[in-house]
Amino acid sequence: MSMPKSIADRLRLPAIAAPMFLVSGLEMVLAACKGGMIGSFPANNARTLDILDDWMGQINATLPADAPPWAINIMVHRSYSRWEEEMELVLKHKPPIVITALGSPSAVIDAVHAYGGLVYADVNSVSFARKAAATGVDGLILIGAGAGGHTGQISGFAFAPAVREFFDGTLVLGGAIGSGRAIRAAQMLGADMAYLGTRLIACTESLAVAGYKQMLIEAGAEDIVLSAALTGIPANWLKASLMAAGYDAEGLKAKAQIDLGRPEDAAARWRDVWSAGQGVGEVHAIEPLSQIIDDLVQDYQRAGA
């Protein structure tokens, strides 16, 4: 394992609350860190740069020095038109961890390292992991098959060991991880931490609307659909939300052109279409994130007994 001791010593649970579009916000980050895991949010959940500035300032002002670190996620894809403005705020507020997605992390590494921050690259294949590792990132987040939202195609059982063979930095594994036992299993495969998304969406602090949370409670793995029709990138979605939005079986076979635009455009476009991973069966209730973390910690400890 190669997670820095300065981070490991501050965690109750070796996990990151994954940054989820229209789900992770200020309150969820604070609750995650206070509960003992790394909290994160995607910069594009802040609809304006003023809101983003405020969120980052509040997180820094609220969390004590010995709390788990927090992370911001920025998309570095060429079609996302706000990432340079977001980076200006990253340099202002200096989040401990910057998670890059949908593009090469090379554009941000030097700037983040200059203030002492860490860069973790979100990747969904071994080839992308090799390319990201070559840029000098501090960590790789492996998005395996079964992950909610933009997903990967490789089982975590194969993905983590393959990447660990050539990467000795911090390794985070995601994809249908929704229990303490699964977090323990990720470590057994060579990861330092797990990446949890779907399991946390129904927490009371999340930005998800009530209908989204209820649909998660009622869904199982068979209710997840993989499609590139919405964003041009293969992603896992709740089938019921797609049907309600007017998609049909044929329409989901198409592939849209990748155009990430700006946050205000994407939020309106995907407001009623909801993503989830194959671990959705672990979601049973709407409850405080602190309770979810407590349950995960107990399960994790039992699995290691």
C-alpha atoms as a PDB file:
ATOM      1  CA  MET A   1       0.000   0.000   0.000  1.00  0.00           C
ATOM      2  CA  SER A   2       1.266   3.450  -0.797  1.00  0.00           C
ATOM      3  CA  MET A   3      -1.212   5.971   0.565  1.00  0.00           C
ATOM      4  CA  PRO A   4       0.678   8.733   2.419  1.00  0.00           C
ATOM      5  CA  LYS A   5       0.645   8.148   6.171  1.00  0.00           C
ATOM      6  CA  SER A   6      -0.412  11.778   6.633  1.00  0.00           C
ATOM      7  CA  ILE A   7      -3.697  10.857   4.941  1.00  0.00           C
ATOM      8  CA  ALA A   8      -4.156   7.320   6.247  1.00  0.00           C
ATOM      9  CA  ASP A   9      -3.859   8.440   9.868  1.00  0.00           C
ATOM     10  CA  ARG A  10      -6.787  10.852   9.433  1.00  0.00           C
ATOM     11  CA  LEU A  11      -9.258   8.311   8.002  1.00  0.00           C
ATOM     12  CA  ARG A  12     -11.767   6.119   9.817  1.00  0.00           C
ATOM     13  CA  LEU A  13     -12.545   4.492   6.487  1.00  0.00           C
ATOM     14  CA  PRO A  14     -10.102   4.100   3.564  1.00  0.00           C
ATOM     15  CA  ALA A  15     -12.514   5.547   1.052  1.00  0.00           C
ATOM     16  CA  ILE A  16     -13.432   8.588  -1.013  1.00  0.00           C
ATOM     17  CA  ALA A  17     -16.996   9.837  -1.352  1.00  0.00           C
ATOM     18  CA  ALA A  18     -16.919  10.096  -5.130  1.00  0.00           C
ATOM     19  CA  PRO A  19     -17.742  13.422  -6.791  1.00  0.00           C
ATOM     20  CA  MET A  20     -21.159  12.940  -8.406  1.00  0.00           C
ATOM     21  CA  PHE A  21     -22.885  15.314 -10.788  1.00  0.00           C
ATOM     22  CA  LEU A  22     -25.961  16.987  -9.269  1.00  0.00           C
ATOM     23  CA  VAL A  23     -25.395  14.998  -6.054  1.00  0.00           C
ATOM     24  CA  SER A  24     -22.198  16.007  -4.231  1.00  0.00           C
ATOM     25  CA  GLY A  25     -22.104  19.491  -2.754  1.00  0.00           C
ATOM     26  CA  LEU A  26     -20.870  21.512   0.188  1.00  0.00           C
ATOM     27  CA  GLU A  27     -22.864  19.721   2.900  1.00  0.00           C
ATOM     28  CA  MET A  28     -21.989  16.267   1.600  1.00  0.00           C
ATOM     29  CA  VAL A  29     -18.258  17.050   1.527  1.00  0.00           C
ATOM     30  CA  LEU A  30     -18.333  18.362   5.085  1.00  0.00           C
ATOM     31  CA  ALA A  31     -20.340  15.365   6.315  1.00  0.00           C
ATOM     32  CA  ALA A  32     -17.987  12.901   4.615  1.00  0.00           C
ATOM     33  CA  CYS A  33     -14.865  14.472   6.084  1.00  0.00           C
ATOM     34  CA  LYS A  34     -16.421  14.809   9.534  1.00  0.00           C
ATOM     35  CA  GLY A  35     -17.443  11.155   9.322  1.00  0.00           C
ATOM     36  CA  GLY A  36     -13.907  10.031   8.617  1.00  0.00           C
ATOM     37  CA  MET A  37     -13.575   9.591   4.855  1.00  0.00           C
ATOM     38  CA  ILE A  38     -12.378  11.849   2.053  1.00  0.00           C
ATOM     39  CA  GLY A  39     -15.168  14.088   0.768  1.00  0.00           C
ATOM     40  CA  SER A  40     -15.245  15.423  -2.778  1.00  0.00           C
ATOM     41  CA  PHE A  41     -17.455  17.261  -5.223  1.00  0.00           C
ATOM     42  CA  PRO A  42     -17.318  18.051  -8.952  1.00  0.00           C
ATOM     43  CA  ALA A  43     -16.635  21.721  -9.630  1.00  0.00           C
ATOM     44  CA  ASN A  44     -19.478  21.800 -12.144  1.00  0.00           C
ATOM     45  CA  ASN A  45     -22.018  21.142  -9.372  1.00  0.00           C
ATOM     46  CA  ALA A  46     -21.505  24.794  -8.481  1.00  0.00           C
ATOM     47  CA  ARG A  47     -23.646  26.402 -11.143  1.00  0.00           C
ATOM     48  CA  THR A  48     -21.672  29.652 -11.011  1.00  0.00           C
ATOM     49  CA  LEU A  49     -18.071  30.476 -10.226  1.00  0.00           C
ATOM     50  CA  ASP A  50     -19.213  32.628  -7.309  1.00  0.00           C
ATOM     51  CA  ILE A  51     -20.909  29.600  -5.760  1.00  0.00           C
ATOM     52  CA  LEU A  52     -17.801  27.500  -6.373  1.00  0.00           C
ATOM     53  CA  ASP A  53     -15.658  30.162  -4.709  1.00  0.00           C
ATOM     54  CA  ASP A  54     -18.005  30.184  -1.714  1.00  0.00           C
ATOM     55  CA  TRP A  55     -18.129  26.398  -1.332  1.00  0.00           C
ATOM     56  CA  MET A  56     -14.365  26.003  -1.399  1.00  0.00           C
ATOM     57  CA  GLY A  57     -13.904  28.839   1.069  1.00  0.00           C
ATOM     58  CA  GLN A  58     -16.469  27.349   3.458  1.00  0.00           C
ATOM     59  CA  ILE A  59     -14.873  23.905   3.340  1.00  0.00           C
ATOM     60  CA  ASN A  60     -11.457  25.305   4.218  1.00  0.00           C
ATOM     61  CA  ALA A  61     -12.927  27.456   6.985  1.00  0.00           C
ATOM     62  CA  THR A  62     -14.990  24.648   8.501  1.00  0.00           C
ATOM     63  CA  LEU A  63     -12.816  21.536   8.513  1.00  0.00           C
ATOM     64  CA  PRO A  64     -10.206  21.233  11.280  1.00  0.00           C
ATOM     65  CA  ALA A  65      -6.594  20.562  10.385  1.00  0.00           C
ATOM     66  CA  ASP A  66      -6.785  16.928  11.504  1.00  0.00           C
ATOM     67  CA  ALA A  67      -9.884  16.109   9.415  1.00  0.00           C
ATOM     68  CA  PRO A  68      -9.568  13.879   6.355  1.00  0.00           C
ATOM     69  CA  PRO A  69      -8.560  15.880   3.281  1.00  0.00           C
ATOM     70  CA  TRP A  70     -11.162  17.018   0.775  1.00  0.00           C
ATOM     71  CA  ALA A  71     -11.015  16.892  -2.983  1.00  0.00           C
ATOM     72  CA  ILE A  72     -12.403  18.788  -5.931  1.00  0.00           C
ATOM     73  CA  ASN A  73     -13.044  17.122  -9.264  1.00  0.00           C
ATOM     74  CA  ILE A  74     -12.518  19.020 -12.497  1.00  0.00           C
ATOM     75  CA  MET A  75     -13.126  17.832 -16.036  1.00  0.00           C
ATOM     76  CA  VAL A  76     -10.225  18.511 -18.367  1.00  0.00           C
ATOM     77  CA  HIS A  77     -11.913  17.416 -21.584  1.00  0.00           C
ATOM     78  CA  ARG A  78     -11.491  19.922 -24.416  1.00  0.00           C
ATOM     79  CA  SER A  79     -15.271  20.309 -24.771  1.00  0.00           C
ATOM     80  CA  TYR A  80     -15.682  21.468 -21.163  1.00  0.00           C
ATOM     81  CA  SER A  81     -15.433  25.231 -21.398  1.00  0.00           C
ATOM     82  CA  ARG A  82     -15.075  26.239 -17.732  1.00  0.00           C
ATOM     83  CA  TRP A  83     -12.116  24.205 -16.507  1.00  0.00           C
ATOM     84  CA  GLU A  84      -9.550  27.028 -16.757  1.00  0.00           C
ATOM     85  CA  GLU A  85     -11.757  29.322 -14.657  1.00  0.00           C
ATOM     86  CA  GLU A  86     -12.210  26.516 -12.148  1.00  0.00           C
ATOM     87  CA  MET A  87      -8.451  26.073 -11.966  1.00  0.00           C
ATOM     88  CA  GLU A  88      -8.061  29.728 -10.989  1.00  0.00           C
ATOM     89  CA  LEU A  89     -10.196  29.010  -7.923  1.00  0.00           C
ATOM     90  CA  VAL A  90      -8.256  25.824  -7.229  1.00  0.00           C
ATOM     91  CA  LEU A  91      -5.100  27.916  -7.028  1.00  0.00           C
ATOM     92  CA  LYS A  92      -6.879  30.374  -4.732  1.00  0.00           C
ATOM     93  CA  HIS A  93      -8.277  27.824  -2.253  1.00  0.00           C
ATOM     94  CA  LYS A  94      -5.664  25.067  -2.609  1.00  0.00           C
ATOM     95  CA  PRO A  95      -7.749  21.914  -2.096  1.00  0.00           C
ATOM     96  CA  PRO A  96      -5.561  19.088  -0.764  1.00  0.00           C
ATOM     97  CA  ILE A  97      -6.564  16.778  -3.637  1.00  0.00           C
ATOM     98  CA  VAL A  98      -7.581  17.567  -7.210  1.00  0.00           C
ATOM     99  CA  ILE A  99      -9.286  14.753  -9.126  1.00  0.00           C
ATOM    100  CA  THR A 100      -9.127  15.080 -12.898  1.00  0.00           C
ATOM    101  CA  ALA A 101     -11.615  13.378 -15.214  1.00  0.00           C
ATOM    102  CA  LEU A 102     -12.271  12.933 -18.924  1.00  0.00           C
ATOM    103  CA  GLY A 103      -8.861  14.074 -20.111  1.00  0.00           C
ATOM    104  CA  SER A 104      -5.160  14.188 -19.390  1.00  0.00           C
ATOM    105  CA  PRO A 105      -4.142  15.459 -15.947  1.00  0.00           C
ATOM    106  CA  SER A 106      -0.938  16.943 -17.382  1.00  0.00           C
ATOM    107  CA  ALA A 107      -2.478  20.421 -17.698  1.00  0.00           C
ATOM    108  CA  VAL A 108      -2.935  20.795 -13.929  1.00  0.00           C
ATOM    109  CA  ILE A 109      -0.194  18.746 -12.254  1.00  0.00           C
ATOM    110  CA  ASP A 110       2.521  21.399 -12.010  1.00  0.00           C
ATOM    111  CA  ALA A 111       0.137  24.049 -10.690  1.00  0.00           C
ATOM    112  CA  VAL A 112      -1.338  21.777  -8.016  1.00  0.00           C
ATOM    113  CA  HIS A 113       2.025  20.388  -6.968  1.00  0.00           C
ATOM    114  CA  ALA A 114       3.346  23.935  -6.657  1.00  0.00           C
ATOM    115  CA  TYR A 115       1.054  24.641  -3.693  1.00  0.00           C
ATOM    116  CA  GLY A 116       1.565  21.179  -2.180  1.00  0.00           C
ATOM    117  CA  GLY A 117      -1.609  19.513  -3.433  1.00  0.00           C
ATOM    118  CA  LEU A 118      -2.045  16.023  -4.818  1.00  0.00           C
ATOM    119  CA  VAL A 119      -3.463  15.069  -8.208  1.00  0.00           C
ATOM    120  CA  TYR A 120      -5.492  11.895  -8.669  1.00  0.00           C
ATOM    121  CA  ALA A 121      -6.511  10.962 -12.212  1.00  0.00           C
ATOM    122  CA  ASP A 122      -9.820   9.240 -12.867  1.00  0.00           C
ATOM    123  CA  VAL A 123      -9.230   6.500 -15.501  1.00  0.00           C
ATOM    124  CA  ASN A 124     -11.348   3.672 -16.872  1.00  0.00           C
ATOM    125  CA  SER A 125      -8.818   1.471 -18.700  1.00  0.00           C
ATOM    126  CA  VAL A 126      -5.321   0.098 -18.189  1.00  0.00           C
ATOM    127  CA  SER A 127      -4.036   2.065 -21.176  1.00  0.00           C
ATOM    128  CA  PHE A 128      -5.391   5.343 -19.782  1.00  0.00           C
ATOM    129  CA  ALA A 129      -3.911   4.419 -16.400  1.00  0.00           C
ATOM    130  CA  ARG A 130      -0.473   4.017 -18.002  1.00  0.00           C
ATOM    131  CA  LYS A 131      -0.762   7.382 -19.756  1.00  0.00           C
ATOM    132  CA  ALA A 132      -1.879   9.154 -16.585  1.00  0.00           C
ATOM    133  CA  ALA A 133       0.846   7.498 -14.509  1.00  0.00           C
ATOM    134  CA  ALA A 134       3.431   8.777 -16.979  1.00  0.00           C
ATOM    135  CA  THR A 135       2.360  12.390 -16.331  1.00  0.00           C
ATOM    136  CA  GLY A 136       3.435  12.168 -12.689  1.00  0.00           C
ATOM    137  CA  VAL A 137       0.093  11.974 -10.893  1.00  0.00           C
ATOM    138  CA  ASP A 138       0.070  11.080  -7.214  1.00  0.00           C
ATOM    139  CA  GLY A 139      -2.855   8.709  -7.493  1.00  0.00           C
ATOM    140  CA  LEU A 140      -5.001   6.812  -9.949  1.00  0.00           C
ATOM    141  CA  ILE A 141      -8.723   6.283  -9.483  1.00  0.00           C
ATOM    142  CA  LEU A 142      -9.735   3.165 -11.360  1.00  0.00           C
ATOM    143  CA  ILE A 143     -13.334   3.268 -12.561  1.00  0.00           C
ATOM    144  CA  GLY A 144     -14.210  -0.374 -13.010  1.00  0.00           C
ATOM    145  CA  ALA A 145     -17.197  -2.087 -14.558  1.00  0.00           C
ATOM    146  CA  GLY A 146     -20.418  -1.490 -12.689  1.00  0.00           C
ATOM    147  CA  ALA A 147     -19.632   2.062 -11.603  1.00  0.00           C
ATOM    148  CA  GLY A 148     -22.383   4.649 -11.753  1.00  0.00           C
ATOM    149  CA  GLY A 149     -22.229   7.474 -14.263  1.00  0.00           C
ATOM    150  CA  HIS A 150     -19.317   7.382 -16.701  1.00  0.00           C
ATOM    151  CA  THR A 151     -18.056   3.866 -16.157  1.00  0.00           C
ATOM    152  CA  GLY A 152     -15.380   1.414 -17.189  1.00  0.00           C
ATOM    153  CA  GLN A 153     -15.512  -1.986 -18.830  1.00  0.00           C
ATOM    154  CA  ILE A 154     -12.955  -3.891 -16.746  1.00  0.00           C
ATOM    155  CA  SER A 155     -13.780  -5.808 -13.583  1.00  0.00           C
ATOM    156  CA  GLY A 156     -12.046  -4.443 -10.504  1.00  0.00           C
ATOM    157  CA  PHE A 157     -10.721  -7.960  -9.888  1.00  0.00           C
ATOM    158  CA  ALA A 158      -8.563  -7.572 -13.003  1.00  0.00           C
ATOM    159  CA  PHE A 159      -8.160  -3.772 -13.087  1.00  0.00           C
ATOM    160  CA  ALA A 160      -6.496  -3.106  -9.717  1.00  0.00           C
ATOM    161  CA  PRO A 161      -3.871  -5.887  -9.897  1.00  0.00           C
ATOM    162  CA  ALA A 162      -2.972  -4.959 -13.478  1.00  0.00           C
ATOM    163  CA  VAL A 163      -2.357  -1.298 -12.616  1.00  0.00           C
ATOM    164  CA  ARG A 164      -0.559  -2.078  -9.364  1.00  0.00           C
ATOM    165  CA  GLU A 165       2.088  -3.919 -11.414  1.00  0.00           C
ATOM    166  CA  PHE A 166       3.362  -0.631 -12.868  1.00  0.00           C
ATOM    167  CA  PHE A 167       2.071   2.091 -10.494  1.00  0.00           C
ATOM    168  CA  ASP A 168       3.297   2.497  -6.938  1.00  0.00           C
ATOM    169  CA  GLY A 169       1.342   5.650  -6.069  1.00  0.00           C
ATOM    170  CA  THR A 170      -2.016   5.831  -4.327  1.00  0.00           C
ATOM    171  CA  LEU A 171      -4.520   3.508  -5.973  1.00  0.00           C
ATOM    172  CA  VAL A 172      -8.275   3.961  -5.567  1.00  0.00           C
ATOM    173  CA  LEU A 173     -10.759   1.413  -6.908  1.00  0.00           C
ATOM    174  CA  GLY A 174     -14.346   2.177  -7.856  1.00  0.00           C
ATOM    175  CA  GLY A 175     -17.201   0.234  -9.372  1.00  0.00           C
ATOM    176  CA  ALA A 176     -20.145  -1.327  -7.496  1.00  0.00           C
ATOM    177  CA  ILE A 177     -18.473  -0.840  -4.105  1.00  0.00           C
ATOM    178  CA  GLY A 178     -21.180  -0.229  -1.546  1.00  0.00           C
ATOM    179  CA  SER A 179     -20.212  -2.119   1.601  1.00  0.00           C
ATOM    180  CA  GLY A 180     -17.392  -2.291   4.104  1.00  0.00           C
ATOM    181  CA  ARG A 181     -16.640  -5.806   2.864  1.00  0.00           C
ATOM    182  CA  ALA A 182     -16.213  -4.469  -0.669  1.00  0.00           C
ATOM    183  CA  ILE A 183     -13.849  -1.764   0.607  1.00  0.00           C
ATOM    184  CA  ARG A 184     -11.793  -4.458   2.313  1.00  0.00           C
ATOM    185  CA  ALA A 185     -11.829  -6.494  -0.916  1.00  0.00           C
ATOM    186  CA  ALA A 186     -10.532  -3.494  -2.887  1.00  0.00           C
ATOM    187  CA  GLN A 187      -7.533  -3.374  -0.566  1.00  0.00           C
ATOM    188  CA  MET A 188      -6.980  -7.105  -0.964  1.00  0.00           C
ATOM    189  CA  LEU A 189      -6.732  -6.494  -4.714  1.00  0.00           C
ATOM    190  CA  GLY A 190      -3.967  -3.918  -4.221  1.00  0.00           C
ATOM    191  CA  ALA A 191      -5.889  -0.660  -3.866  1.00  0.00           C
ATOM    192  CA  ASP A 192      -5.261   1.764  -1.005  1.00  0.00           C
ATOM    193  CA  MET A 193      -8.796   3.108  -0.953  1.00  0.00           C
ATOM    194  CA  ALA A 194     -12.232   2.541  -2.425  1.00  0.00           C
ATOM    195  CA  TYR A 195     -14.346   5.021  -4.389  1.00  0.00           C
ATOM    196  CA  LEU A 196     -17.972   5.067  -3.217  1.00  0.00           C
ATOM    197  CA  GLY A 197     -20.701   6.771  -5.182  1.00  0.00           C
ATOM    198  CA  THR A 198     -24.108   5.131  -5.486  1.00  0.00           C
ATOM    199  CA  ARG A 199     -24.149   3.908  -1.873  1.00  0.00           C
ATOM    200  CA  LEU A 200     -24.039   7.528  -0.696  1.00  0.00           C
ATOM    201  CA  ILE A 201     -26.473   9.262  -3.056  1.00  0.00           C
ATOM    202  CA  ALA A 202     -29.514   8.819  -0.810  1.00  0.00           C
ATOM    203  CA  CYS A 203     -27.877  10.470   2.196  1.00  0.00           C
ATOM    204  CA  THR A 204     -29.766  13.418   3.617  1.00  0.00           C
ATOM    205  CA  GLU A 205     -26.918  15.828   2.793  1.00  0.00           C
ATOM    206  CA  SER A 206     -26.803  15.055  -0.929  1.00  0.00           C
ATOM    207  CA  LEU A 207     -28.190  17.380  -3.604  1.00  0.00           C
ATOM    208  CA  ALA A 208     -30.188  14.532  -5.185  1.00  0.00           C
ATOM    209  CA  VAL A 209     -33.906  15.183  -5.421  1.00  0.00           C
ATOM    210  CA  ALA A 210     -36.353  13.067  -3.427  1.00  0.00           C
ATOM    211  CA  GLY A 211     -37.514  11.076  -6.457  1.00  0.00           C
ATOM    212  CA  TYR A 212     -33.941  10.105  -7.277  1.00  0.00           C
ATOM    213  CA  LYS A 213     -33.298   8.877  -3.738  1.00  0.00           C
ATOM    214  CA  GLN A 214     -36.515   6.850  -3.665  1.00  0.00           C
ATOM    215  CA  MET A 215     -35.729   5.253  -7.023  1.00  0.00           C
ATOM    216  CA  LEU A 216     -32.344   4.142  -5.675  1.00  0.00           C
ATOM    217  CA  ILE A 217     -34.007   2.502  -2.674  1.00  0.00           C
ATOM    218  CA  GLU A 218     -36.350   0.572  -4.953  1.00  0.00           C
ATOM    219  CA  ALA A 219     -33.713  -0.437  -7.545  1.00  0.00           C
ATOM    220  CA  GLY A 220     -31.470  -3.461  -7.890  1.00  0.00           C
ATOM    221  CA  ALA A 221     -28.513  -4.250 -10.136  1.00  0.00           C
ATOM    222  CA  GLU A 222     -30.876  -5.400 -12.904  1.00  0.00           C
ATOM    223  CA  ASP A 223     -32.333  -1.887 -13.063  1.00  0.00           C
ATOM    224  CA  ILE A 224     -29.053  -0.345 -14.312  1.00  0.00           C
ATOM    225  CA  VAL A 225     -28.634   0.390 -18.035  1.00  0.00           C
ATOM    226  CA  LEU A 226     -25.347   1.132 -19.818  1.00  0.00           C
ATOM    227  CA  SER A 227     -25.612   3.679 -22.632  1.00  0.00           C
ATOM    228  CA  ALA A 228     -23.584   6.365 -24.426  1.00  0.00           C
ATOM    229  CA  ALA A 229     -26.733   7.966 -25.856  1.00  0.00           C
ATOM    230  CA  LEU A 230     -26.847  10.774 -23.314  1.00  0.00           C
ATOM    231  CA  THR A 231     -23.284  12.113 -23.104  1.00  0.00           C
ATOM    232  CA  GLY A 232     -21.385  10.275 -25.827  1.00  0.00           C
ATOM    233  CA  ILE A 233     -19.481   8.415 -23.120  1.00  0.00           C
ATOM    234  CA  PRO A 234     -20.650   5.005 -21.819  1.00  0.00           C
ATOM    235  CA  ALA A 235     -22.441   5.546 -18.523  1.00  0.00           C
ATOM    236  CA  ASN A 236     -24.680   3.579 -16.178  1.00  0.00           C
ATOM    237  CA  TRP A 237     -28.172   4.947 -15.581  1.00  0.00           C
ATOM    238  CA  LEU A 238     -31.304   4.028 -13.652  1.00  0.00           C
ATOM    239  CA  LYS A 239     -33.535   2.455 -16.290  1.00  0.00           C
ATOM    240  CA  ALA A 240     -36.734   3.865 -14.780  1.00  0.00           C
ATOM    241  CA  SER A 241     -35.442   7.438 -15.045  1.00  0.00           C
ATOM    242  CA  LEU A 242     -34.510   6.927 -18.707  1.00  0.00           C
ATOM    243  CA  MET A 243     -37.944   5.546 -19.535  1.00  0.00           C
ATOM    244  CA  ALA A 244     -39.614   8.448 -17.717  1.00  0.00           C
ATOM    245  CA  ALA A 245     -37.496  10.888 -19.744  1.00  0.00           C
ATOM    246  CA  GLY A 246     -38.688   9.368 -23.021  1.00  0.00           C
ATOM    247  CA  TYR A 247     -35.777   7.120 -23.971  1.00  0.00           C
ATOM    248  CA  ASP A 248     -36.512   3.695 -25.432  1.00  0.00           C
ATOM    249  CA  ALA A 249     -34.440   0.573 -26.089  1.00  0.00           C
ATOM    250  CA  GLU A 250     -33.478   1.681 -29.601  1.00  0.00           C
ATOM    251  CA  GLY A 251     -32.588   5.220 -28.582  1.00  0.00           C
ATOM    252  CA  LEU A 252     -30.225   3.944 -25.896  1.00  0.00           C
ATOM    253  CA  LYS A 253     -28.168   2.104 -28.519  1.00  0.00           C
ATOM    254  CA  ALA A 254     -27.131   5.392 -30.148  1.00  0.00           C
ATOM    255  CA  LYS A 255     -24.028   7.358 -29.197  1.00  0.00           C
ATOM    256  CA  ALA A 256     -24.260  11.097 -28.678  1.00  0.00           C
ATOM    257  CA  GLN A 257     -21.463  13.493 -29.576  1.00  0.00           C
ATOM    258  CA  ILE A 258     -19.321  14.385 -26.574  1.00  0.00           C
ATOM    259  CA  ASP A 259     -20.110  17.976 -25.628  1.00  0.00           C
ATOM    260  CA  LEU A 260     -19.732  18.768 -21.936  1.00  0.00           C
ATOM    261  CA  GLY A 261     -20.403  22.492 -22.398  1.00  0.00           C
ATOM    262  CA  ARG A 262     -20.864  24.513 -19.220  1.00  0.00           C
ATOM    263  CA  PRO A 263     -22.393  23.419 -15.890  1.00  0.00           C
ATOM    264  CA  GLU A 264     -25.577  25.427 -16.275  1.00  0.00           C
ATOM    265  CA  ASP A 265     -26.324  23.719 -19.598  1.00  0.00           C
ATOM    266  CA  ALA A 266     -25.568  20.194 -18.369  1.00  0.00           C
ATOM    267  CA  ALA A 267     -27.640  20.595 -15.200  1.00  0.00           C
ATOM    268  CA  ALA A 268     -30.751  21.443 -17.169  1.00  0.00           C
ATOM    269  CA  ARG A 269     -30.111  18.648 -19.662  1.00  0.00           C
ATOM    270  CA  TRP A 270     -29.712  15.848 -17.099  1.00  0.00           C
ATOM    271  CA  ARG A 271     -31.957  17.057 -14.281  1.00  0.00           C
ATOM    272  CA  ASP A 272     -34.413  14.159 -14.626  1.00  0.00           C
ATOM    273  CA  VAL A 273     -32.075  11.412 -15.874  1.00  0.00           C
ATOM    274  CA  TRP A 274     -30.321   9.747 -12.974  1.00  0.00           C
ATOM    275  CA  SER A 275     -27.167   7.658 -12.851  1.00  0.00           C
ATOM    276  CA  ALA A 276     -26.348   4.770 -10.530  1.00  0.00           C
ATOM    277  CA  GLY A 277     -23.980   1.835 -10.367  1.00  0.00           C
ATOM    278  CA  GLN A 278     -24.540  -1.870 -10.027  1.00  0.00           C
ATOM    279  CA  GLY A 279     -24.060  -1.627  -6.259  1.00  0.00           C
ATOM    280  CA  VAL A 280     -27.420   0.145  -5.973  1.00  0.00           C
ATOM    281  CA  GLY A 281     -28.840  -2.808  -4.046  1.00  0.00           C
ATOM    282  CA  GLU A 282     -26.896  -1.599  -0.976  1.00  0.00           C
ATOM    283  CA  VAL A 283     -29.105   1.522  -0.750  1.00  0.00           C
ATOM    284  CA  HIS A 284     -31.981   0.835   1.653  1.00  0.00           C
ATOM    285  CA  ALA A 285     -32.963   4.164   3.193  1.00  0.00           C
ATOM    286  CA  ILE A 286     -32.572   7.926   3.182  1.00  0.00           C
ATOM    287  CA  GLU A 287     -30.309   8.565   6.155  1.00  0.00           C
ATOM    288  CA  PRO A 288     -27.549  10.898   7.359  1.00  0.00           C
ATOM    289  CA  LEU A 289     -24.146  10.308   5.814  1.00  0.00           C
ATOM    290  CA  SER A 290     -22.698   9.881   9.313  1.00  0.00           C
ATOM    291  CA  GLN A 291     -24.935   6.822   9.795  1.00  0.00           C
ATOM    292  CA  ILE A 292     -23.944   5.350   6.433  1.00  0.00           C
ATOM    293  CA  ILE A 293     -20.261   5.791   7.285  1.00  0.00           C
ATOM    294  CA  ASP A 294     -20.750   4.223  10.727  1.00  0.00           C
ATOM    295  CA  ASP A 295     -22.367   1.189   9.095  1.00  0.00           C
ATOM    296  CA  LEU A 296     -19.579   0.931   6.526  1.00  0.00           C
ATOM    297  CA  VAL A 297     -16.907   1.169   9.221  1.00  0.00           C
ATOM    298  CA  GLN A 298     -18.533  -1.620  11.244  1.00  0.00           C
ATOM    299  CA  ASP A 299     -18.848  -3.839   8.170  1.00  0.00           C
ATOM    300  CA  TYR A 300     -15.247  -3.079   7.176  1.00  0.00           C
ATOM    301  CA  GLN A 301     -13.991  -3.989  10.635  1.00  0.00           C
ATOM    302  CA  ARG A 302     -15.985  -7.229  10.723  1.00  0.00           C
ATOM    303  CA  ALA A 303     -14.544  -8.201   7.346  1.00  0.00           C
ATOM    304  CA  GLY A 304     -11.017  -7.856   8.694  1.00  0.00           C
ATOM    305  CA  ALA A 305     -11.639  -9.692  11.955  1.00  0.00           C
END
